[in-house]
Amino acid sequence: MTTEELSTGEPDIVAARNVLFDLLCCAPSPAPLRRELTEEQWLWIAQTARDHRLLPLLHAAARAGPADLWPDQLIEQAEASYRTHSMRWLTLQSAMRQIGTRLTEAGIGYVFLKGATLASTVYPEPALRPLRDLDILVEETRAIDAQGLLDEMGYRPLPGRSAKPKAGHYQLPALHHLGTRVTVEVHRSLASGLAYDPAPLAQRLLASAQDHNIANRPILLAEPAALYCHLLLHAGLKSTFDCGPLVVADIAFLHALDPSQSARFGEVAEEFGLARSHALFTAILARHGPIAHADGSPTAVPDRLVDHATALLALPSEAVRNRKLVRNLRQGKPLASKLLGMLRLATRPTRAKIAVATGARPDSRFVLLGYPIWLVDRAWHLATGGADADRTAEADADLQLEDWLARSDAPGAIDADEESRRR
């Protein structure tokens, strides 16, 4: 099987994925569905939407019609999700107001990142952009102070998680409020373990943060161009495009917020060494969204890279985890280094990871008893993945994309030898 086939998948799934991405890239207004899909294709879209927090966006798209092309069950699920996140947003806004006020009073520089800023300022309705948690970037030297302030406000470590910060990690342990069920992650940087230096971008995010009123309180949110670069870093160099398709909608809505800023986005991305991630996302938007999204686009990206990145974005969560295991095996690092890294992950699984393997609830008091099952599950996926030619080919293609994103030369430049190797 070729890299192209591995990247795009079966024709029916490719067609369904194209429809889904067309809907995600249609900002600022939902576009009506333009084609009929089979039951299997709708099932794939529904599962992907549930897996990646897309149901509220599908609710907006379904409202645009035509209603007779949408399955009734999916319409009901999407509407229920939209209502849930509409109510949830009130709680999140209150938490943002309280946390922002306390950080300001303590003299701690901060900015709300990603979903909090996107839902507040970019999406036409906050409920269309569900949040798992609140991400807050603070001055690196004040991160521990910020964590202590949250503790005073009633935020506690997640069940089964250590409260001790990991040395050199870009974020502190997540904290959760039992009363509001809001989870907060304090970031002292934007990434760790990369050749890329995220410090200049982190400084820009803090320095350019903009006031946004929530209940008459000024809360600091990320400025659009800096936020755009953070999304590029998160989805590109940090995640190799396996972070889920919601980021495509994020970027589409950012462009739609002020179409005249598209050229500036490219300039700022180049300034922070993210020109290739910008080029790839621009190519995805040009393929699936209004042509205005492609204004000021950089050098063209090969179609096969666009195909592969799009397929990675739509992978189920479990497939992403298994793919990363095989990818780690295929990296050009010494075998001992790979095995030690995997051993560290094996000895410190989260409750959520054990729950996925065992079917238990993450908050169950007995979930840690499933650790042996989780370990066997990981070992099985690792062994089968390393021996499966299709999986190793997929992982190799991922690493090629990772390598391409990390290069600093012109975004579309690929030499003949590289082209030959990838065929």
Protein backbone atom coordinates (compact mmCIF):
# COMPACT_ATOMS: atom_id res chain seq x y z
CA MET A 1 0.00 0.00 0.00
CA THR A 2 1.42 3.41 -0.95
CA THR A 3 1.78 6.47 1.27
CA GLU A 4 -0.94 8.20 -0.75
CA GLU A 5 -3.39 5.36 -0.03
CA LEU A 6 -2.46 5.29 3.63
CA SER A 7 -2.92 9.02 3.89
CA THR A 8 -6.32 9.24 2.25
CA GLY A 9 -8.00 6.01 3.33
CA GLU A 10 -10.99 4.30 1.73
CA PRO A 11 -12.89 6.31 -0.92
CA ASP A 12 -16.15 6.43 1.08
CA ILE A 13 -14.36 7.77 4.15
CA VAL A 14 -12.45 10.29 2.03
CA ALA A 15 -15.75 11.56 0.59
CA ALA A 16 -17.30 11.84 4.06
CA ARG A 17 -14.20 13.56 5.41
CA ASN A 18 -14.28 16.05 2.54
CA VAL A 19 -17.89 16.92 3.37
CA LEU A 20 -17.01 17.35 7.05
CA PHE A 21 -14.03 19.61 6.28
CA ASP A 22 -16.14 21.62 3.83
CA LEU A 23 -18.52 22.30 6.73
CA LEU A 24 -15.68 23.18 9.13
CA CYS A 25 -14.04 25.62 6.70
CA CYS A 26 -17.17 27.54 5.70
CA ALA A 27 -16.76 30.39 8.24
CA PRO A 28 -18.15 32.87 8.99
CA SER A 29 -21.60 31.52 8.10
CA PRO A 30 -22.54 27.82 7.96
CA ALA A 31 -22.89 26.59 4.41
CA PRO A 32 -25.79 24.30 3.47
CA LEU A 33 -24.99 20.66 2.87
CA ARG A 34 -24.63 20.14 -0.86
CA ARG A 35 -24.69 16.36 -1.32
CA GLU A 36 -26.32 13.22 -0.05
CA LEU A 37 -24.28 10.74 1.96
CA THR A 38 -24.68 7.04 2.63
CA GLU A 39 -25.64 5.74 6.06
CA GLU A 40 -22.07 4.52 6.62
CA GLN A 41 -20.66 7.94 5.74
CA TRP A 42 -23.05 9.64 8.15
CA LEU A 43 -22.02 7.18 10.86
CA TRP A 44 -18.38 8.10 10.28
CA ILE A 45 -19.17 11.82 10.47
CA ALA A 46 -21.24 11.35 13.64
CA GLN A 47 -18.50 9.33 15.36
CA THR A 48 -15.81 11.83 14.35
CA ALA A 49 -17.95 14.71 15.60
CA ARG A 50 -18.48 13.03 18.98
CA ASP A 51 -14.79 12.17 19.25
CA HIS A 52 -13.58 15.68 18.44
CA ARG A 53 -16.17 18.08 19.93
CA LEU A 54 -17.70 19.01 16.57
CA LEU A 55 -21.39 18.40 17.34
CA PRO A 56 -22.24 22.07 18.09
CA LEU A 57 -20.72 23.09 14.76
CA LEU A 58 -22.77 20.41 13.01
CA HIS A 59 -25.84 21.82 14.76
CA ALA A 60 -25.10 25.21 13.17
CA ALA A 61 -24.56 23.55 9.79
CA ALA A 62 -27.78 21.55 10.08
CA ARG A 63 -29.70 24.77 10.77
CA ALA A 64 -28.41 26.03 7.42
CA GLY A 65 -30.11 23.02 5.78
CA PRO A 66 -31.36 21.42 3.80
CA ALA A 67 -32.81 19.48 6.72
CA ASP A 68 -33.90 16.49 4.66
CA LEU A 69 -30.26 15.58 3.91
CA TRP A 70 -29.34 15.26 7.60
CA PRO A 71 -30.13 12.13 9.68
CA ASP A 72 -32.69 12.96 12.38
CA GLN A 73 -30.65 11.24 15.10
CA LEU A 74 -27.54 13.29 14.32
CA ILE A 75 -29.58 16.51 14.32
CA GLU A 76 -30.94 15.63 17.77
CA GLN A 77 -27.48 14.77 19.14
CA ALA A 78 -25.97 17.96 17.70
CA GLU A 79 -28.74 20.14 19.15
CA ALA A 80 -28.42 18.51 22.58
CA SER A 81 -24.65 19.08 22.55
CA TYR A 82 -25.15 22.71 21.53
CA ARG A 83 -27.55 23.30 24.42
CA THR A 84 -25.19 21.60 26.89
CA HIS A 85 -22.24 23.73 25.84
CA SER A 86 -24.37 26.89 25.84
CA MET A 87 -25.10 26.31 29.52
CA ARG A 88 -21.54 25.22 30.22
CA TRP A 89 -20.21 28.43 28.76
CA LEU A 90 -21.84 30.47 31.54
CA THR A 91 -19.83 28.52 34.12
CA LEU A 92 -16.61 28.89 32.14
CA GLN A 93 -17.12 32.65 31.76
CA SER A 94 -17.58 32.99 35.49
CA ALA A 95 -14.38 31.01 36.12
CA MET A 96 -12.44 33.14 33.62
CA ARG A 97 -13.68 36.32 35.29
CA GLN A 98 -12.73 35.13 38.78
CA ILE A 99 -9.33 33.73 37.78
CA GLY A 100 -8.41 36.73 35.64
CA THR A 101 -9.34 39.13 38.42
CA ARG A 102 -7.27 37.26 41.00
CA LEU A 103 -4.23 37.04 38.72
CA THR A 104 -4.43 40.78 38.02
CA GLU A 105 -4.75 41.59 41.72
CA ALA A 106 -1.68 39.43 42.37
CA GLY A 107 0.31 41.25 39.68
CA ILE A 108 0.77 38.10 37.59
CA GLY A 109 0.92 38.64 33.84
CA TYR A 110 -1.33 36.19 32.02
CA VAL A 111 -3.37 35.51 28.90
CA PHE A 112 -6.13 32.98 28.20
CA LEU A 113 -5.16 30.74 25.28
CA LYS A 114 -6.87 28.75 22.53
CA GLY A 115 -10.48 27.77 23.25
CA ALA A 116 -11.21 30.45 25.86
CA THR A 117 -10.15 33.25 23.50
CA LEU A 118 -11.67 31.62 20.42
CA ALA A 119 -15.07 31.09 22.04
CA SER A 120 -15.09 34.60 23.52
CA THR A 121 -14.01 36.62 20.49
CA VAL A 122 -13.82 34.57 17.27
CA TYR A 123 -16.79 32.21 17.02
CA PRO A 124 -20.23 33.78 16.41
CA GLU A 125 -21.61 31.80 19.37
CA PRO A 126 -19.40 30.59 22.25
CA ALA A 127 -21.21 27.23 22.39
CA LEU A 128 -19.92 26.41 18.90
CA ARG A 129 -16.40 26.09 20.38
CA PRO A 130 -16.52 23.53 23.25
CA LEU A 131 -13.71 23.67 25.81
CA ARG A 132 -12.22 20.76 27.72
CA ASP A 133 -10.42 23.13 30.06
CA LEU A 134 -9.10 26.67 30.46
CA ASP A 135 -5.50 27.13 29.28
CA ILE A 136 -3.69 30.09 30.83
CA LEU A 137 -0.21 31.26 29.91
CA VAL A 138 1.53 33.15 32.72
CA GLU A 139 4.95 34.67 33.19
CA GLU A 140 7.34 31.75 33.62
CA THR A 141 8.72 33.04 36.91
CA ARG A 142 5.20 33.39 38.34
CA ALA A 143 3.76 30.02 37.30
CA ILE A 144 4.06 28.46 40.77
CA ASP A 145 2.46 31.57 42.27
CA ALA A 146 -0.45 31.25 39.83
CA GLN A 147 -0.87 27.59 40.73
CA GLY A 148 -0.94 28.50 44.42
CA LEU A 149 -3.55 31.18 43.78
CA LEU A 150 -5.77 28.62 42.05
CA ASP A 151 -5.35 26.31 45.05
CA GLU A 152 -6.64 29.13 47.26
CA MET A 153 -9.67 29.37 44.97
CA GLY A 154 -10.54 25.71 45.49
CA TYR A 155 -8.85 24.12 42.48
CA ARG A 156 -7.27 20.74 43.23
CA PRO A 157 -5.17 18.17 41.28
CA LEU A 158 -7.16 15.74 39.17
CA PRO A 159 -7.80 12.34 40.79
CA GLY A 160 -4.73 10.13 40.56
CA ARG A 161 -2.51 12.96 39.32
CA SER A 162 0.55 14.31 41.10
CA ALA A 163 0.50 17.97 42.12
CA LYS A 164 4.26 18.18 41.69
CA PRO A 165 5.34 20.05 38.52
CA LYS A 166 7.43 18.06 36.05
CA ALA A 167 10.90 19.51 35.58
CA GLY A 168 11.21 21.23 32.22
CA HIS A 169 7.58 20.62 31.21
CA TYR A 170 5.75 23.49 29.58
CA GLN A 171 2.65 23.26 31.81
CA LEU A 172 1.94 22.60 35.45
CA PRO A 173 -0.36 19.76 36.60
CA ALA A 174 -4.00 20.42 35.70
CA LEU A 175 -6.27 21.59 38.52
CA HIS A 176 -9.99 20.89 38.84
CA HIS A 177 -12.74 22.63 40.82
CA LEU A 178 -15.18 20.10 42.28
CA GLY A 179 -17.96 22.67 42.57
CA THR A 180 -17.92 24.11 39.05
CA ARG A 181 -16.22 21.10 37.40
CA VAL A 182 -13.89 23.51 35.58
CA THR A 183 -10.36 22.29 34.83
CA VAL A 184 -7.50 24.77 34.48
CA GLU A 185 -4.02 24.26 33.05
CA VAL A 186 -1.35 26.84 33.86
CA HIS A 187 1.29 27.12 31.13
CA ARG A 188 4.72 28.53 31.82
CA SER A 189 5.68 27.98 28.17
CA LEU A 190 3.98 26.78 24.98
CA ALA A 191 5.83 23.54 24.31
CA SER A 192 8.69 21.39 25.54
CA GLY A 193 10.89 18.70 24.05
CA LEU A 194 11.06 20.38 20.62
CA ALA A 195 13.97 21.82 18.67
CA TYR A 196 11.72 24.86 18.24
CA ASP A 197 12.12 27.63 20.85
CA PRO A 198 8.61 28.76 21.93
CA ALA A 199 9.81 31.56 24.22
CA PRO A 200 9.53 34.45 21.69
CA LEU A 201 5.96 33.48 20.79
CA ALA A 202 5.04 33.12 24.47
CA GLN A 203 6.42 36.60 25.10
CA ARG A 204 4.38 37.98 22.18
CA LEU A 205 1.20 36.36 23.50
CA LEU A 206 1.67 37.94 26.93
CA ALA A 207 2.77 41.34 25.62
CA SER A 208 -0.04 41.64 23.05
CA ALA A 209 -2.90 40.30 25.23
CA GLN A 210 -6.10 42.30 24.82
CA ASP A 211 -8.74 43.24 27.37
CA HIS A 212 -12.17 41.68 26.90
CA ASN A 213 -15.02 42.50 29.25
CA ILE A 214 -16.76 39.65 31.02
CA ALA A 215 -19.44 40.91 33.42
CA ASN A 216 -17.73 44.34 33.46
CA ARG A 217 -14.35 42.84 34.35
CA PRO A 218 -11.43 43.16 31.90
CA ILE A 219 -10.02 39.71 31.13
CA LEU A 220 -6.85 39.27 29.04
CA LEU A 221 -7.33 37.21 25.88
CA ALA A 222 -4.90 36.38 23.09
CA GLU A 223 -4.48 38.79 20.17
CA PRO A 224 -5.55 37.20 16.83
CA ALA A 225 -2.17 36.96 15.04
CA ALA A 226 -0.35 35.63 18.13
CA LEU A 227 -3.23 33.21 18.77
CA TYR A 228 -3.02 32.05 15.16
CA CYS A 229 0.68 31.26 15.58
CA HIS A 230 -0.03 29.37 18.81
CA LEU A 231 -2.57 27.22 16.95
CA LEU A 232 0.03 26.57 14.23
CA LEU A 233 2.60 25.52 16.83
CA HIS A 234 0.12 23.34 18.72
CA ALA A 235 -1.22 21.57 15.62
CA GLY A 236 1.96 21.48 13.55
CA LEU A 237 5.33 21.08 15.26
CA LYS A 238 3.88 19.95 18.59
CA SER A 239 1.21 17.49 17.36
CA THR A 240 2.10 16.71 13.72
CA PHE A 241 -1.52 17.36 12.73
CA ASP A 242 -3.04 14.63 14.90
CA CYS A 243 -4.75 17.03 17.32
CA GLY A 244 -8.22 16.76 15.78
CA PRO A 245 -10.18 18.69 13.12
CA LEU A 246 -11.57 21.33 15.48
CA VAL A 247 -8.38 23.34 14.90
CA VAL A 248 -9.36 23.68 11.23
CA ALA A 249 -12.57 25.44 12.26
CA ASP A 250 -10.57 27.56 14.72
CA ILE A 251 -8.30 28.81 11.95
CA ALA A 252 -11.15 29.27 9.49
CA PHE A 253 -13.04 31.47 11.96
CA LEU A 254 -9.86 33.41 12.76
CA HIS A 255 -9.46 34.24 9.07
CA ALA A 256 -13.13 35.15 8.80
CA LEU A 257 -12.92 37.49 11.80
CA ASP A 258 -11.00 39.97 9.64
CA PRO A 259 -10.17 38.70 6.13
CA SER A 260 -7.75 41.61 5.64
CA GLN A 261 -5.54 40.05 8.33
CA SER A 262 -4.80 36.90 6.30
CA ALA A 263 -1.61 38.35 4.82
CA ARG A 264 -0.50 39.51 8.27
CA PHE A 265 -1.04 36.01 9.64
CA GLY A 266 1.45 34.71 7.09
CA GLU A 267 3.99 37.41 7.97
CA VAL A 268 3.75 36.73 11.70
CA ALA A 269 3.94 32.96 11.12
CA GLU A 270 7.17 33.46 9.18
CA GLU A 271 8.51 35.74 11.92
CA PHE A 272 8.05 32.96 14.47
CA GLY A 273 9.38 30.13 12.29
CA LEU A 274 5.98 28.60 11.53
CA ALA A 275 5.79 29.31 7.80
CA ARG A 276 5.35 25.66 6.80
CA SER A 277 2.49 25.00 9.22
CA HIS A 278 0.87 28.18 7.90
CA ALA A 279 1.35 26.98 4.33
CA LEU A 280 -0.24 23.62 5.05
CA PHE A 281 -3.26 25.05 6.85
CA THR A 282 -3.69 27.62 4.09
CA ALA A 283 -3.76 24.79 1.56
CA ILE A 284 -6.41 22.94 3.58
CA LEU A 285 -8.56 26.07 3.77
CA ALA A 286 -8.11 26.77 0.06
CA ARG A 287 -9.28 23.22 -0.73
CA HIS A 288 -12.32 23.20 1.54
CA GLY A 289 -13.28 26.81 2.28
CA PRO A 290 -14.11 30.09 0.58
CA ILE A 291 -11.39 31.25 -1.78
CA ALA A 292 -10.85 34.35 0.40
CA HIS A 293 -9.08 32.13 2.92
CA ALA A 294 -6.32 31.52 0.41
CA ASP A 295 -5.50 35.23 -0.08
CA GLY A 296 -1.81 35.86 0.49
CA SER A 297 -1.08 32.14 0.64
CA PRO A 298 2.56 31.06 0.67
CA THR A 299 4.27 28.68 -1.75
CA ALA A 300 1.99 25.83 -2.76
CA VAL A 301 2.14 22.64 -0.70
CA PRO A 302 2.17 19.25 -2.50
CA ASP A 303 -1.31 17.73 -2.60
CA ARG A 304 -0.11 14.50 -0.99
CA LEU A 305 0.95 16.43 2.12
CA VAL A 306 -2.44 18.12 2.28
CA ASP A 307 -4.09 14.69 1.94
CA HIS A 308 -1.95 13.22 4.69
CA ALA A 309 -2.40 16.11 7.12
CA THR A 310 -6.18 16.09 6.57
CA ALA A 311 -6.33 12.35 7.26
CA LEU A 312 -4.27 12.76 10.43
CA LEU A 313 -6.57 15.52 11.71
CA ALA A 314 -9.59 13.23 11.43
CA LEU A 315 -8.09 10.16 13.15
CA PRO A 316 -10.01 8.74 16.14
CA SER A 317 -8.35 9.37 19.50
CA GLU A 318 -7.44 5.71 20.02
CA ALA A 319 -5.88 5.54 16.56
CA VAL A 320 -3.79 8.60 17.40
CA ARG A 321 -2.46 6.94 20.56
CA ASN A 322 -1.57 3.73 18.72
CA ARG A 323 -0.02 5.65 15.83
CA LYS A 324 2.21 7.59 18.24
CA LEU A 325 3.46 4.35 19.77
CA VAL A 326 4.60 3.05 16.39
CA ARG A 327 5.93 6.49 15.43
CA ASN A 328 8.11 6.51 18.54
CA LEU A 329 9.48 3.11 17.52
CA ARG A 330 10.30 4.37 14.02
CA GLN A 331 12.07 7.56 15.08
CA GLY A 332 15.77 7.73 14.36
CA LYS A 333 16.76 7.68 18.02
CA PRO A 334 18.88 5.05 19.80
CA LEU A 335 16.77 2.04 20.77
CA ALA A 336 17.66 2.45 24.44
CA SER A 337 16.36 6.04 24.39
CA LYS A 338 13.08 4.93 22.79
CA LEU A 339 12.54 2.14 25.28
CA LEU A 340 13.30 4.36 28.27
CA GLY A 341 10.82 6.95 27.02
CA MET A 342 8.12 4.30 26.63
CA LEU A 343 8.95 2.87 30.05
CA ARG A 344 8.43 6.27 31.63
CA LEU A 345 5.00 6.49 29.99
CA ALA A 346 4.20 2.93 31.09
CA THR A 347 5.02 3.59 34.74
CA ARG A 348 2.97 6.79 34.93
CA PRO A 349 -0.31 6.29 33.07
CA THR A 350 -3.18 8.67 33.78
CA ARG A 351 -6.50 7.50 35.13
CA ALA A 352 -8.07 8.51 31.82
CA LYS A 353 -5.72 6.24 29.83
CA ILE A 354 -6.42 3.29 32.11
CA ALA A 355 -10.15 3.98 31.84
CA VAL A 356 -10.00 3.81 28.03
CA ALA A 357 -8.37 0.37 28.15
CA THR A 358 -10.59 -1.06 30.89
CA GLY A 359 -13.94 0.63 30.33
CA ALA A 360 -13.98 1.98 33.90
CA ARG A 361 -14.86 5.55 34.81
CA PRO A 362 -11.78 7.81 35.28
CA ASP A 363 -13.11 9.01 38.65
CA SER A 364 -13.77 5.49 39.98
CA ARG A 365 -11.84 4.65 43.14
CA PHE A 366 -10.96 1.29 41.59
CA VAL A 367 -9.70 2.54 38.23
CA LEU A 368 -6.02 2.14 39.16
CA LEU A 369 -6.62 -1.59 39.61
CA GLY A 370 -6.85 -1.71 35.82
CA TYR A 371 -3.18 -0.74 35.41
CA PRO A 372 -2.09 -4.31 34.42
CA ILE A 373 -4.82 -4.38 31.76
CA TRP A 374 -3.67 -1.01 30.44
CA LEU A 375 -0.05 -2.16 30.35
CA VAL A 376 -0.95 -5.35 28.43
CA ASP A 377 -3.09 -3.27 26.05
CA ARG A 378 -0.19 -0.88 25.35
CA ALA A 379 2.27 -3.75 24.90
CA TRP A 380 -0.09 -5.50 22.47
CA HIS A 381 -0.56 -2.36 20.37
CA LEU A 382 3.18 -1.74 20.40
CA ALA A 383 4.03 -5.29 19.34
CA THR A 384 1.36 -5.53 16.65
CA GLY A 385 2.07 -2.02 15.41
CA GLY A 386 5.79 -2.67 15.08
CA ALA A 387 5.14 -5.83 13.10
CA ASP A 388 2.38 -4.42 10.88
CA ALA A 389 3.74 -3.14 7.57
CA ASP A 390 0.75 -0.82 7.06
CA ARG A 391 1.17 0.79 10.48
CA THR A 392 4.91 1.26 10.06
CA ALA A 393 4.30 2.84 6.64
CA GLU A 394 1.77 5.20 8.25
CA ALA A 395 4.21 6.09 11.03
CA ASP A 396 7.00 6.70 8.51
CA ALA A 397 4.73 9.02 6.54
CA ASP A 398 3.93 10.89 9.77
CA LEU A 399 7.63 11.31 10.50
CA GLN A 400 8.21 12.61 6.98
CA LEU A 401 5.51 15.21 7.54
CA GLU A 402 7.06 16.06 10.91
CA ASP A 403 10.43 16.52 9.25
CA TRP A 404 8.93 18.69 6.50
CA LEU A 405 7.19 20.95 9.02
CA ALA A 406 10.41 21.46 10.99
CA ARG A 407 12.47 22.65 8.02
CA SER A 408 13.30 26.31 7.73
CA ASP A 409 13.65 26.57 3.95
CA ALA A 410 10.91 27.74 1.57
CA PRO A 411 7.56 26.14 2.49
CA GLY A 412 7.00 24.32 -0.78
CA ALA A 413 10.55 23.30 -1.61
CA ILE A 414 11.06 19.54 -1.87
CA ASP A 415 14.12 18.14 -3.62
CA ALA A 416 14.01 15.35 -6.17
CA ASP A 417 15.56 12.74 -3.86
CA GLU A 418 12.97 13.43 -1.18
CA GLU A 419 10.17 13.26 -3.75
CA SER A 420 11.46 9.88 -4.94
CA ARG A 421 11.67 8.48 -1.39
CA ARG A 422 8.09 9.43 -0.59
CA ARG A 423 6.53 7.78 -3.64
